[in-house]
C-alpha atoms as a PDB file:
ATOM      1  CA  MET A   1       9.722 -56.086 -50.110  1.00  0.00           C
ATOM      2  CA  ALA A   2       9.438 -52.191 -51.011  1.00  0.00           C
ATOM      3  CA  ALA A   3       6.296 -53.107 -52.573  1.00  0.00           C
ATOM      4  CA  GLN A   4       4.965 -54.795 -49.174  1.00  0.00           C
ATOM      5  CA  THR A   5       5.257 -51.790 -47.500  1.00  0.00           C
ATOM      6  CA  GLY A   6       3.930 -49.704 -49.583  1.00  0.00           C
ATOM      7  CA  ASP A   7       1.160 -51.823 -49.525  1.00  0.00           C
ATOM      8  CA  SER A   8       1.326 -51.444 -45.749  1.00  0.00           C
ATOM      9  CA  GLU A   9       1.856 -47.909 -45.651  1.00  0.00           C
ATOM     10  CA  SER A  10      -1.114 -47.150 -47.825  1.00  0.00           C
ATOM     11  CA  LEU A  11      -3.243 -50.012 -46.038  1.00  0.00           C
ATOM     12  CA  LEU A  12      -2.441 -47.852 -42.349  1.00  0.00           C
ATOM     13  CA  ASN A  13      -3.372 -44.438 -44.090  1.00  0.00           C
ATOM     14  CA  GLN A  14      -6.623 -45.876 -44.916  1.00  0.00           C
ATOM     15  CA  ALA A  15      -7.294 -47.229 -41.892  1.00  0.00           C
ATOM     16  CA  ASP A  16      -6.455 -43.807 -39.979  1.00  0.00           C
ATOM     17  CA  SER A  17      -8.940 -41.781 -42.823  1.00  0.00           C
ATOM     18  CA  MET A  18     -11.481 -44.387 -42.227  1.00  0.00           C
ATOM     19  CA  TRP A  19     -10.984 -43.674 -38.056  1.00  0.00           C
ATOM     20  CA  LYS A  20     -11.192 -40.167 -38.290  1.00  0.00           C
ATOM     21  CA  MET A  21     -14.531 -40.605 -40.703  1.00  0.00           C
ATOM     22  CA  LEU A  22     -16.160 -42.407 -38.506  1.00  0.00           C
ATOM     23  CA  ASP A  23     -14.478 -39.991 -35.520  1.00  0.00           C
ATOM     24  CA  ASP A  24     -16.721 -36.993 -37.295  1.00  0.00           C
ATOM     25  CA  LEU A  25     -19.700 -38.953 -38.449  1.00  0.00           C
ATOM     26  CA  VAL A  26     -20.204 -39.940 -34.667  1.00  0.00           C
ATOM     27  CA  GLU A  27     -19.791 -36.618 -33.830  1.00  0.00           C
ATOM     28  CA  SER A  28     -21.828 -34.707 -36.358  1.00  0.00           C
ATOM     29  CA  ASP A  29     -24.841 -37.278 -37.467  1.00  0.00           C
ATOM     30  CA  PRO A  30     -24.813 -39.677 -34.930  1.00  0.00           C
ATOM     31  CA  GLU A  31     -27.866 -41.359 -36.537  1.00  0.00           C
ATOM     32  CA  ALA A  32     -26.197 -41.538 -39.913  1.00  0.00           C
ATOM     33  CA  TYR A  33     -23.016 -43.233 -37.911  1.00  0.00           C
ATOM     34  CA  LYS A  34     -25.538 -46.046 -36.354  1.00  0.00           C
ATOM     35  CA  ARG A  35     -27.038 -46.801 -40.157  1.00  0.00           C
ATOM     36  CA  PHE A  36     -23.600 -47.203 -41.406  1.00  0.00           C
ATOM     37  CA  MET A  37     -22.333 -49.479 -39.002  1.00  0.00           C
ATOM     38  CA  GLU A  38     -25.635 -51.552 -39.067  1.00  0.00           C
ATOM     39  CA  LYS A  39     -24.897 -51.683 -42.919  1.00  0.00           C
ATOM     40  CA  THR A  40     -21.260 -52.557 -42.879  1.00  0.00           C
ATOM     41  CA  LEU A  41     -22.190 -55.449 -40.320  1.00  0.00           C
ATOM     42  CA  LYS A  42     -24.658 -56.913 -41.884  1.00  0.00           C
ATOM     43  CA  GLU A  43     -22.980 -56.340 -45.594  1.00  0.00           C
ATOM     44  CA  GLY A  44     -19.919 -57.973 -43.564  1.00  0.00           C
ATOM     45  CA  SER A  45     -21.762 -61.048 -42.392  1.00  0.00           C
ATOM     46  CA  THR A  46     -22.767 -61.751 -45.704  1.00  0.00           C
ATOM     47  CA  MET A  47     -19.208 -61.161 -47.277  1.00  0.00           C
ATOM     48  CA  PHE A  48     -17.693 -63.657 -44.635  1.00  0.00           C
ATOM     49  CA  LYS A  49     -19.989 -66.464 -45.401  1.00  0.00           C
ATOM     50  CA  PRO A  50     -18.360 -68.932 -47.403  1.00  0.00           C
ATOM     51  CA  PRO A  51     -20.423 -70.805 -50.138  1.00  0.00           C
ATOM     52  CA  GLU A  52     -22.712 -73.743 -48.894  1.00  0.00           C
ATOM     53  CA  PRO A  53     -23.281 -77.304 -50.408  1.00  0.00           C
ATOM     54  CA  CYS A  54     -26.913 -78.093 -52.203  1.00  0.00           C
ATOM     55  CA  PHE A  55     -25.907 -81.826 -53.377  1.00  0.00           C
ATOM     56  CA  CYS A  56     -23.388 -83.401 -55.259  1.00  0.00           C
ATOM     57  CA  VAL A  57     -23.404 -85.502 -58.357  1.00  0.00           C
ATOM     58  CA  ILE A  58     -21.372 -87.666 -60.048  1.00  0.00           C
ATOM     59  CA  THR A  59     -20.484 -88.573 -63.338  1.00  0.00           C
ATOM     60  CA  VAL A  60     -16.936 -89.358 -65.333  1.00  0.00           C
ATOM     61  CA  LEU A  61     -14.217 -88.236 -67.130  1.00  0.00           C
ATOM     62  CA  LEU A  62     -13.689 -88.810 -70.461  1.00  0.00           C
ATOM     63  CA  PRO A  63     -11.910 -90.260 -72.286  1.00  0.00           C
ATOM     64  CA  SER A  64     -10.490 -93.256 -70.390  1.00  0.00           C
ATOM     65  CA  VAL A  65      -9.805 -96.421 -70.126  1.00  0.00           C
ATOM     66  CA  ILE A  66     -10.196 -97.060 -66.560  1.00  0.00           C
ATOM     67  CA  THR A  67     -13.563 -95.414 -65.027  1.00  0.00           C
ATOM     68  CA  HIS A  68     -12.274 -92.220 -63.581  1.00  0.00           C
ATOM     69  CA  GLU A  69     -14.840 -91.091 -61.424  1.00  0.00           C
ATOM     70  CA  LEU A  70     -15.666 -87.055 -61.363  1.00  0.00           C
ATOM     71  CA  PHE A  71     -17.803 -85.790 -58.105  1.00  0.00           C
ATOM     72  CA  ILE A  72     -19.262 -82.272 -58.954  1.00  0.00           C
ATOM     73  CA  ASN A  73     -19.674 -80.567 -55.535  1.00  0.00           C
ATOM     74  CA  ILE A  74     -22.954 -77.909 -56.489  1.00  0.00           C
ATOM     75  CA  CYS A  75     -22.989 -75.124 -54.188  1.00  0.00           C
ATOM     76  CA  SER A  76     -24.767 -72.312 -53.448  1.00  0.00           C
ATOM     77  CA  TRP A  77     -23.039 -68.187 -52.303  1.00  0.00           C
ATOM     78  CA  GLU A  78     -24.222 -64.901 -52.209  1.00  0.00           C
ATOM     79  CA  GLN A  79     -21.415 -63.350 -53.567  1.00  0.00           C
ATOM     80  CA  MET A  80     -21.961 -64.756 -56.845  1.00  0.00           C
ATOM     81  CA  PRO A  81     -24.355 -62.666 -59.048  1.00  0.00           C
ATOM     82  CA  ALA A  82     -27.585 -64.095 -60.163  1.00  0.00           C
ATOM     83  CA  PRO A  83     -29.489 -64.144 -63.145  1.00  0.00           C
ATOM     84  CA  LYS A  84     -31.473 -60.704 -63.800  1.00  0.00           C
ATOM     85  CA  LEU A  85     -34.110 -62.550 -65.599  1.00  0.00           C
ATOM     86  CA  GLU A  86     -35.433 -66.288 -65.670  1.00  0.00           C
ATOM     87  CA  ASN A  87     -34.016 -66.874 -69.215  1.00  0.00           C
ATOM     88  CA  ASP A  88     -31.205 -65.174 -68.686  1.00  0.00           C
ATOM     89  CA  PRO A  89     -27.709 -66.768 -68.552  1.00  0.00           C
ATOM     90  CA  ILE A  90     -26.566 -68.520 -65.501  1.00  0.00           C
ATOM     91  CA  PRO A  91     -22.894 -66.843 -63.832  1.00  0.00           C
ATOM     92  CA  VAL A  92     -21.222 -69.608 -63.115  1.00  0.00           C
ATOM     93  CA  MET A  93     -17.983 -69.836 -60.959  1.00  0.00           C
ATOM     94  CA  ALA A  94     -15.816 -73.493 -61.059  1.00  0.00           C
ATOM     95  CA  GLY A  95     -13.513 -74.037 -58.468  1.00  0.00           C
ATOM     96  CA  GLU A  96      -9.827 -76.545 -59.789  1.00  0.00           C
ATOM     97  CA  LEU A  97      -9.952 -79.681 -60.768  1.00  0.00           C
ATOM     98  CA  GLN A  98      -8.734 -81.760 -57.726  1.00  0.00           C
ATOM     99  CA  GLU A  99      -7.711 -85.383 -58.330  1.00  0.00           C
ATOM    100  CA  LYS A 100      -7.999 -87.309 -54.813  1.00  0.00           C
ATOM    101  CA  THR A 101      -6.985 -90.888 -54.118  1.00  0.00           C
ATOM    102  CA  GLU A 102      -9.035 -93.241 -51.509  1.00  0.00           C
ATOM    103  CA  GLN A 103      -8.871 -96.405 -50.477  1.00  0.00           C
ATOM    104  CA  ASN A 104      -6.468 -97.324 -53.941  1.00  0.00           C
ATOM    105  CA  SER A 105      -8.985 -95.852 -55.608  1.00  0.00           C
ATOM    106  CA  THR A 106      -8.552 -92.481 -57.512  1.00  0.00           C
ATOM    107  CA  TYR A 107     -11.304 -90.223 -58.240  1.00  0.00           C
ATOM    108  CA  SER A 108     -11.501 -85.914 -58.794  1.00  0.00           C
ATOM    109  CA  VAL A 109     -13.535 -82.952 -57.289  1.00  0.00           C
ATOM    110  CA  VAL A 110     -14.411 -79.920 -58.732  1.00  0.00           C
ATOM    111  CA  ASP A 111     -16.717 -77.326 -56.888  1.00  0.00           C
ATOM    112  CA  ILE A 112     -19.185 -75.634 -58.744  1.00  0.00           C
ATOM    113  CA  ILE A 113     -21.072 -72.271 -57.658  1.00  0.00           C
ATOM    114  CA  VAL A 114     -23.521 -70.314 -58.438  1.00  0.00           C
ATOM    115  CA  ASN A 115     -26.126 -67.844 -56.897  1.00  0.00           C
ATOM    116  CA  PRO A 116     -28.907 -68.818 -54.036  1.00  0.00           C
ATOM    117  CA  VAL A 117     -31.458 -67.786 -56.680  1.00  0.00           C
ATOM    118  CA  VAL A 118     -30.060 -71.030 -58.931  1.00  0.00           C
ATOM    119  CA  THR A 119     -30.364 -73.639 -56.209  1.00  0.00           C
ATOM    120  CA  LYS A 120     -33.703 -72.577 -54.999  1.00  0.00           C
ATOM    121  CA  GLY A 121     -36.589 -75.702 -55.113  1.00  0.00           C
ATOM    122  CA  VAL A 122     -33.654 -78.099 -56.752  1.00  0.00           C
ATOM    123  CA  ALA A 123     -34.986 -80.614 -54.080  1.00  0.00           C
ATOM    124  CA  LYS A 124     -38.389 -80.289 -54.853  1.00  0.00           C
ATOM    125  CA  SER A 125     -37.900 -80.331 -58.768  1.00  0.00           C
ATOM    126  CA  LYS A 126     -36.190 -83.019 -60.905  1.00  0.00           C
ATOM    127  CA  ASP A 127     -36.395 -81.360 -63.917  1.00  0.00           C
ATOM    128  CA  ARG A 128     -34.854 -77.709 -62.066  1.00  0.00           C
ATOM    129  CA  LYS A 129     -32.420 -80.073 -60.574  1.00  0.00           C
ATOM    130  CA  ASN A 130     -31.128 -81.772 -63.992  1.00  0.00           C
ATOM    131  CA  LEU A 131     -31.087 -78.019 -65.344  1.00  0.00           C
ATOM    132  CA  LEU A 132     -28.731 -77.700 -63.012  1.00  0.00           C
ATOM    133  CA  VAL A 133     -26.734 -80.373 -63.637  1.00  0.00           C
ATOM    134  CA  ASN A 134     -26.091 -79.623 -67.367  1.00  0.00           C
ATOM    135  CA  VAL A 135     -25.228 -75.975 -66.595  1.00  0.00           C
ATOM    136  CA  ALA A 136     -22.587 -77.387 -64.668  1.00  0.00           C
ATOM    137  CA  LEU A 137     -21.619 -80.060 -67.287  1.00  0.00           C
ATOM    138  CA  ASP A 138     -21.756 -77.404 -70.067  1.00  0.00           C
ATOM    139  CA  TYR A 139     -19.340 -75.476 -67.979  1.00  0.00           C
ATOM    140  CA  LEU A 140     -17.055 -78.124 -67.219  1.00  0.00           C
ATOM    141  CA  GLU A 141     -16.553 -78.742 -71.172  1.00  0.00           C
ATOM    142  CA  ASN A 142     -17.026 -75.717 -72.641  1.00  0.00           C
ATOM    143  CA  THR A 143     -14.997 -73.182 -70.680  1.00  0.00           C
ATOM    144  CA  LYS A 144     -12.606 -75.746 -68.232  1.00  0.00           C
ATOM    145  CA  ARG A 145     -12.061 -77.768 -71.188  1.00  0.00           C
ATOM    146  CA  ILE A 146     -12.767 -80.747 -68.945  1.00  0.00           C
ATOM    147  CA  GLN A 147     -14.488 -83.719 -71.241  1.00  0.00           C
ATOM    148  CA  VAL A 148     -17.391 -85.770 -68.706  1.00  0.00           C
ATOM    149  CA  SER A 149     -20.030 -87.884 -69.618  1.00  0.00           C
ATOM    150  CA  ARG A 150     -23.408 -86.636 -69.906  1.00  0.00           C
ATOM    151  CA  LYS A 151     -24.421 -89.387 -67.765  1.00  0.00           C
ATOM    152  CA  TYR A 152     -24.520 -88.894 -63.948  1.00  0.00           C
ATOM    153  CA  ARG A 153     -26.082 -90.304 -60.954  1.00  0.00           C
ATOM    154  CA  ASN A 154     -26.686 -88.568 -57.276  1.00  0.00           C
ATOM    155  CA  ALA A 155     -24.563 -89.093 -54.294  1.00  0.00           C
ATOM    156  CA  LYS A 156     -24.997 -90.001 -50.979  1.00  0.00           C
ATOM    157  CA  LYS A 157     -24.224 -86.627 -49.729  1.00  0.00           C
ATOM    158  CA  THR A 158     -24.380 -83.068 -50.309  1.00  0.00           C
ATOM    159  CA  PHE A 159     -20.882 -82.423 -50.260  1.00  0.00           C
ATOM    160  CA  LYS A 160     -17.418 -84.887 -51.605  1.00  0.00           C
ATOM    161  CA  GLY A 161     -14.747 -83.897 -48.849  1.00  0.00           C
ATOM    162  CA  ASP A 162     -15.125 -81.694 -46.392  1.00  0.00           C
ATOM    163  CA  PRO A 163     -17.247 -78.716 -46.831  1.00  0.00           C
ATOM    164  CA  LYS A 164     -14.696 -76.381 -44.265  1.00  0.00           C
ATOM    165  CA  THR A 165     -12.240 -76.220 -47.436  1.00  0.00           C
ATOM    166  CA  LEU A 166     -15.010 -73.672 -49.028  1.00  0.00           C
ATOM    167  CA  ARG A 167     -13.604 -71.062 -47.225  1.00  0.00           C
ATOM    168  CA  LYS A 168     -10.505 -70.859 -49.430  1.00  0.00           C
ATOM    169  CA  TYR A 169     -12.947 -68.972 -51.996  1.00  0.00           C
ATOM    170  CA  LEU A 170     -13.304 -66.059 -49.447  1.00  0.00           C
ATOM    171  CA  ARG A 171      -9.820 -65.436 -50.321  1.00  0.00           C
ATOM    172  CA  HIS A 172      -9.448 -66.698 -53.572  1.00  0.00           C
ATOM    173  CA  GLY A 173     -12.923 -65.996 -55.022  1.00  0.00           C
ATOM    174  CA  LYS A 174     -11.916 -62.986 -57.626  1.00  0.00           C
ATOM    175  CA  GLU A 175      -9.030 -65.193 -58.674  1.00  0.00           C
ATOM    176  CA  GLN A 176     -11.631 -68.296 -59.808  1.00  0.00           C
ATOM    177  CA  SER A 177     -12.766 -68.296 -63.047  1.00  0.00           C
ATOM    178  CA  THR A 178     -16.672 -66.885 -63.098  1.00  0.00           C
ATOM    179  CA  THR A 179     -18.181 -66.923 -66.254  1.00  0.00           C
ATOM    180  CA  PRO A 180     -22.242 -65.772 -67.219  1.00  0.00           C
ATOM    181  CA  THR A 181     -22.394 -67.808 -69.899  1.00  0.00           C
ATOM    182  CA  ASN A 182     -22.209 -64.682 -72.343  1.00  0.00           C
ATOM    183  CA  GLN A 183     -20.113 -62.202 -70.915  1.00  0.00           C
ATOM    184  CA  GLU A 184     -18.148 -61.302 -67.215  1.00  0.00           C
ATOM    185  CA  GLN A 185     -20.066 -59.759 -64.581  1.00  0.00           C
ATOM    186  CA  GLN A 186     -19.760 -59.311 -61.013  1.00  0.00           C
ATOM    187  CA  LYS A 187     -22.436 -58.656 -58.030  1.00  0.00           C
ATOM    188  CA  PRO A 188     -21.809 -55.398 -56.612  1.00  0.00           C
ATOM    189  CA  GLY A 189     -20.149 -55.265 -52.916  1.00  0.00           C
ATOM    190  CA  VAL A 190     -19.024 -58.830 -53.285  1.00  0.00           C
ATOM    191  CA  SER A 191     -15.815 -57.949 -51.694  1.00  0.00           C
ATOM    192  CA  GLU A 192     -15.480 -54.857 -49.566  1.00  0.00           C
ATOM    193  CA  THR A 193     -11.999 -52.894 -49.681  1.00  0.00           C
ATOM    194  CA  PRO A 194     -10.808 -50.109 -47.810  1.00  0.00           C
ATOM    195  CA  GLU A 195     -11.222 -48.149 -50.598  1.00  0.00           C
ATOM    196  CA  SER A 196     -14.997 -48.858 -50.645  1.00  0.00           C
ATOM    197  CA  LEU A 197     -15.442 -48.472 -46.925  1.00  0.00           C
ATOM    198  CA  LEU A 198     -13.503 -45.203 -47.638  1.00  0.00           C
ATOM    199  CA  LYS A 199     -15.946 -43.809 -50.855  1.00  0.00           C
ATOM    200  CA  GLN A 200     -18.995 -44.628 -48.596  1.00  0.00           C
ATOM    201  CA  LEU A 201     -18.112 -42.676 -45.215  1.00  0.00           C
ATOM    202  CA  SER A 202     -16.548 -39.875 -47.101  1.00  0.00           C
ATOM    203  CA  SER A 203     -20.442 -39.760 -48.557  1.00  0.00           C
ATOM    204  CA  ILE A 204     -21.495 -39.363 -44.844  1.00  0.00           C
ATOM    205  CA  THR A 205     -19.110 -37.020 -43.572  1.00  0.00           C
ATOM    206  CA  VAL A 206     -18.320 -34.788 -45.942  1.00  0.00           C
ATOM    207  CA  SER A 207     -18.962 -31.964 -43.266  1.00  0.00           C
ATOM    208  CA  GLU A 208     -19.545 -31.099 -39.635  1.00  0.00           C
ATOM    209  CA  SER A 209     -23.613 -30.530 -40.632  1.00  0.00           C
ATOM    210  CA  GLN A 210     -23.616 -32.783 -43.493  1.00  0.00           C
ATOM    211  CA  PRO A 211     -27.575 -33.361 -45.006  1.00  0.00           C
ATOM    212  CA  GLU A 212     -28.718 -36.919 -45.025  1.00  0.00           C
ATOM    213  CA  GLY A 213     -28.867 -38.729 -48.536  1.00  0.00           C
ATOM    214  CA  SER A 214     -25.371 -36.930 -50.089  1.00  0.00           C
ATOM    215  CA  THR A 215     -22.797 -38.585 -52.727  1.00  0.00           C
ATOM    216  CA  GLY A 216     -18.986 -38.223 -51.758  1.00  0.00           C
ATOM    217  CA  LEU A 217     -16.768 -37.545 -54.951  1.00  0.00           C
ATOM    218  CA  ASN A 218     -12.748 -37.324 -55.656  1.00  0.00           C
ATOM    219  CA  LEU A 219     -10.858 -34.608 -53.703  1.00  0.00           C
ATOM    220  CA  PHE A 220      -8.677 -31.989 -56.160  1.00  0.00           C
ATOM    221  CA  GLU A 221      -8.152 -28.554 -56.061  1.00  0.00           C
ATOM    222  CA  LYS A 222      -6.788 -26.126 -59.311  1.00  0.00           C
ATOM    223  CA  SER A 223      -3.270 -24.070 -57.784  1.00  0.00           C
ATOM    224  CA  ALA A 224      -0.552 -23.218 -59.655  1.00  0.00           C
ATOM    225  CA  ASN A 225       1.535 -24.938 -56.833  1.00  0.00           C
ATOM    226  CA  PRO A 226      -1.057 -27.888 -56.103  1.00  0.00           C
ATOM    227  CA  LYS A 227      -1.211 -29.324 -52.883  1.00  0.00           C
ATOM    228  CA  LYS A 228      -3.679 -32.062 -51.720  1.00  0.00           C
ATOM    229  CA  GLY A 229      -6.688 -32.141 -52.703  1.00  0.00           C
ATOM    230  CA  LEU A 230      -9.120 -29.541 -50.770  1.00  0.00           C
ATOM    231  CA  ILE A 231     -12.896 -29.642 -52.465  1.00  0.00           C
ATOM    232  CA  GLU A 232     -14.903 -32.552 -52.294  1.00  0.00           C
ATOM    233  CA  GLU A 233     -17.946 -33.193 -54.218  1.00  0.00           C
ATOM    234  CA  VAL A 234     -21.052 -34.297 -51.991  1.00  0.00           C
ATOM    235  CA  SER A 235     -24.365 -34.413 -54.686  1.00  0.00           C
ATOM    236  CA  SER A 236     -25.210 -32.527 -57.695  1.00  0.00           C
ATOM    237  CA  THR A 237     -28.518 -30.601 -59.065  1.00  0.00           C
ATOM    238  CA  ASN A 238     -29.546 -28.110 -61.549  1.00  0.00           C
ATOM    239  CA  PHE A 239     -28.423 -24.258 -61.673  1.00  0.00           C
ATOM    240  CA  SER A 240     -28.761 -21.333 -62.843  1.00  0.00           C
ATOM    241  CA  GLU A 241     -26.077 -18.574 -63.459  1.00  0.00           C
ATOM    242  CA  VAL A 242     -26.754 -15.252 -62.027  1.00  0.00           C
ATOM    243  CA  PRO A 243     -23.696 -13.327 -60.067  1.00  0.00           C
ATOM    244  CA  VAL A 244     -23.653 -13.252 -56.830  1.00  0.00           C
ATOM    245  CA  THR A 245     -21.353 -12.113 -54.039  1.00  0.00           C
ATOM    246  CA  PRO A 246     -20.267 -14.698 -51.650  1.00  0.00           C
ATOM    247  CA  ASN A 247     -21.595 -14.925 -48.095  1.00  0.00           C
ATOM    248  CA  TYR A 248     -19.622 -16.627 -45.694  1.00  0.00           C
ATOM    249  CA  ASP A 249     -19.132 -17.135 -41.655  1.00  0.00           C
ATOM    250  CA  MET A 250     -15.504 -17.751 -39.454  1.00  0.00           C
ATOM    251  CA  LEU A 251     -15.118 -18.748 -36.764  1.00  0.00           C
ATOM    252  CA  VAL A 252     -12.708 -20.017 -34.264  1.00  0.00           C
ATOM    253  CA  LYS A 253     -13.520 -23.896 -33.037  1.00  0.00           C
ATOM    254  CA  GLU A 254     -11.509 -25.448 -30.265  1.00  0.00           C
ATOM    255  CA  ALA A 255      -9.742 -28.790 -29.853  1.00  0.00           C
ATOM    256  CA  GLU A 256     -12.001 -31.384 -28.926  1.00  0.00           C
ATOM    257  CA  ASN A 257     -11.614 -35.463 -28.956  1.00  0.00           C
ATOM    258  CA  SER A 258      -8.938 -36.340 -31.680  1.00  0.00           C
ATOM    259  CA  LYS A 259      -9.484 -32.751 -33.372  1.00  0.00           C
ATOM    260  CA  PRO A 260      -7.226 -29.448 -33.543  1.00  0.00           C
ATOM    261  CA  LYS A 261      -8.107 -26.228 -32.703  1.00  0.00           C
ATOM    262  CA  ARG A 262      -9.157 -24.694 -36.177  1.00  0.00           C
ATOM    263  CA  VAL A 263     -10.820 -21.921 -38.334  1.00  0.00           C
ATOM    264  CA  LEU A 264     -14.009 -22.973 -39.808  1.00  0.00           C
ATOM    265  CA  VAL A 265     -15.272 -21.154 -42.991  1.00  0.00           C
ATOM    266  CA  LYS A 266     -18.288 -21.763 -44.386  1.00  0.00           C
ATOM    267  CA  VAL A 267     -19.264 -19.555 -47.544  1.00  0.00           C
ATOM    268  CA  GLU A 268     -22.901 -19.754 -49.453  1.00  0.00           C
ATOM    269  CA  LEU A 269     -22.508 -20.247 -53.035  1.00  0.00           C
ATOM    270  CA  PRO A 270     -26.396 -20.302 -54.365  1.00  0.00           C
ATOM    271  CA  ASN A 271     -25.553 -20.744 -57.917  1.00  0.00           C
ATOM    272  CA  VAL A 272     -22.946 -23.505 -57.654  1.00  0.00           C
ATOM    273  CA  VAL A 273     -23.041 -26.951 -58.176  1.00  0.00           C
ATOM    274  CA  SER A 274     -20.531 -29.094 -58.535  1.00  0.00           C
ATOM    275  CA  SER A 275     -16.324 -28.517 -57.090  1.00  0.00           C
ATOM    276  CA  SER A 276     -15.342 -28.626 -60.664  1.00  0.00           C
ATOM    277  CA  GLN A 277     -16.394 -24.572 -60.450  1.00  0.00           C
ATOM    278  CA  CYS A 278     -14.570 -23.562 -57.213  1.00  0.00           C
ATOM    279  CA  LEU A 279     -10.809 -22.654 -57.321  1.00  0.00           C
ATOM    280  CA  LEU A 280      -9.397 -22.521 -53.444  1.00  0.00           C
ATOM    281  CA  ASP A 281      -6.057 -21.677 -52.495  1.00  0.00           C
ATOM    282  CA  VAL A 282      -5.121 -21.116 -48.832  1.00  0.00           C
ATOM    283  CA  CYS A 283      -1.778 -20.143 -47.225  1.00  0.00           C
ATOM    284  CA  GLU A 284      -1.058 -19.775 -43.462  1.00  0.00           C
ATOM    285  CA  SER A 285      -3.172 -16.524 -43.128  1.00  0.00           C
ATOM    286  CA  GLU A 286      -5.395 -16.128 -45.821  1.00  0.00           C
ATOM    287  CA  LEU A 287      -8.233 -17.567 -47.767  1.00  0.00           C
ATOM    288  CA  LEU A 288      -8.917 -17.277 -51.510  1.00  0.00           C
ATOM    289  CA  LEU A 289     -12.138 -18.484 -53.015  1.00  0.00           C
ATOM    290  CA  ASN A 290     -12.659 -17.857 -57.235  1.00  0.00           C
ATOM    291  CA  VAL A 291     -15.932 -18.934 -58.507  1.00  0.00           C
ATOM    292  CA  PRO A 292     -17.177 -17.565 -62.520  1.00  0.00           C
ATOM    293  CA  SER A 293     -19.741 -15.437 -62.377  1.00  0.00           C
ATOM    294  CA  MET A 294     -19.215 -14.402 -58.820  1.00  0.00           C
ATOM    295  CA  ASP A 295     -16.945 -11.970 -57.065  1.00  0.00           C
ATOM    296  CA  LYS A 296     -13.642 -13.357 -55.992  1.00  0.00           C
ATOM    297  CA  LEU A 297     -13.751 -13.824 -51.938  1.00  0.00           C
ATOM    298  CA  HIS A 298     -10.363 -12.880 -49.906  1.00  0.00           C
ATOM    299  CA  VAL A 299     -10.332 -13.648 -46.198  1.00  0.00           C
ATOM    300  CA  LYS A 300      -8.220 -12.672 -43.982  1.00  0.00           C
ATOM    301  CA  LEU A 301      -7.422 -15.130 -41.517  1.00  0.00           C
ATOM    302  CA  PRO A 302      -7.641 -14.617 -37.204  1.00  0.00           C
ATOM    303  CA  GLN A 303      -4.710 -17.137 -36.932  1.00  0.00           C
ATOM    304  CA  LYS A 304      -1.716 -18.422 -38.498  1.00  0.00           C
ATOM    305  CA  ILE A 305      -3.125 -22.077 -40.135  1.00  0.00           C
ATOM    306  CA  ASP A 306      -1.302 -25.163 -41.463  1.00  0.00           C
ATOM    307  CA  PRO A 307      -2.025 -24.861 -45.157  1.00  0.00           C
ATOM    308  CA  ASP A 308      -0.974 -28.687 -45.664  1.00  0.00           C
ATOM    309  CA  GLN A 309      -3.704 -30.464 -43.255  1.00  0.00           C
ATOM    310  CA  THR A 310      -6.913 -28.227 -44.476  1.00  0.00           C
ATOM    311  CA  GLU A 311      -9.781 -29.360 -45.365  1.00  0.00           C
ATOM    312  CA  ALA A 312     -12.567 -28.688 -47.427  1.00  0.00           C
ATOM    313  CA  THR A 313     -16.150 -29.658 -49.074  1.00  0.00           C
ATOM    314  CA  PHE A 314     -18.848 -28.484 -51.103  1.00  0.00           C
ATOM    315  CA  ASN A 315     -22.596 -29.151 -50.683  1.00  0.00           C
ATOM    316  CA  THR A 316     -24.766 -29.024 -53.177  1.00  0.00           C
ATOM    317  CA  ILE A 317     -27.706 -29.768 -51.402  1.00  0.00           C
ATOM    318  CA  LYS A 318     -27.461 -26.301 -49.388  1.00  0.00           C
ATOM    319  CA  HIS A 319     -24.414 -24.964 -52.034  1.00  0.00           C
ATOM    320  CA  VAL A 320     -22.149 -24.007 -49.290  1.00  0.00           C
ATOM    321  CA  LEU A 321     -18.796 -24.279 -48.907  1.00  0.00           C
ATOM    322  CA  ILE A 322     -16.877 -25.474 -45.204  1.00  0.00           C
ATOM    323  CA  VAL A 323     -13.668 -25.616 -45.299  1.00  0.00           C
ATOM    324  CA  LYS A 324     -11.752 -26.186 -41.806  1.00  0.00           C
ATOM    325  CA  LEU A 325      -8.298 -24.959 -41.674  1.00  0.00           C
ATOM    326  CA  PRO A 326      -6.276 -26.085 -38.171  1.00  0.00           C
ATOM    327  CA  ILE A 327      -4.523 -23.362 -36.289  1.00  0.00           C
ATOM    328  CA  GLN A 328      -0.660 -23.927 -35.662  1.00  0.00           C
ATOM    329  CA  SER A 329       0.193 -25.293 -32.806  1.00  0.00           C
END
């Protein structure tokens, strides 16, 4: 029960972070917000689309004194990885072997799922269809340890059973056995999680004036008294180490929407490319920034701020550190 509560709290925190990032993005870059939402909706429509039946073949299980038919439902699914080259092994996923009884007759059914690229053209090519069936039979024998006859015939219907049952793979797809023959593969973006969406959002909403085309990385802070992470890396580029004195701008921004009144500090770091070079520390009335080969920056803040709610992002395209310090209410 405790574990379930922890998971729920984690999901709620992730959802809260996601909404805050979306609020920041729609305000700072409406076009980036629009692109993100369109991309997410497009991927979501694919993500929540179950496998589709292609054709069904009938063979028999071995060894068996009494003929026991096996129906093999060949299905296609966008979430399955596709072979990179024509001669590459075909990634295959299989459902559980299920035994059914119908009109005093017992038979078994199994789903075989591949990428649509593999099933393309099988309706017009007997050779291509035969090849795919043999791949399925090999998979059942070698991976699932199910002995089957190599002789088969085509079923009249494209799917044995109710196609709606294919929706179960949306919930349990990862738990099924996926074998690209010689090594396991997973198609990128098969299942969007809150963590992956947060990662995408963090790459966009890293500052109030974030340039396009950046990449978000992890938050961190190095301090004698570690708090939560303060620096987020956006992207990277080459640099040469030349000692410079940091220039900075500081302004107070009024509360707006869900954002509190805050002090905004922008520091120019022309020779810094990574957040790992920055050591940032804040207290209620001061900000301290230490960067190798540069003078230490010590800023006295105009109002008392909340250090625990401070956020900072480092943009390595513009080489600017942006620190957001919420003012105490």
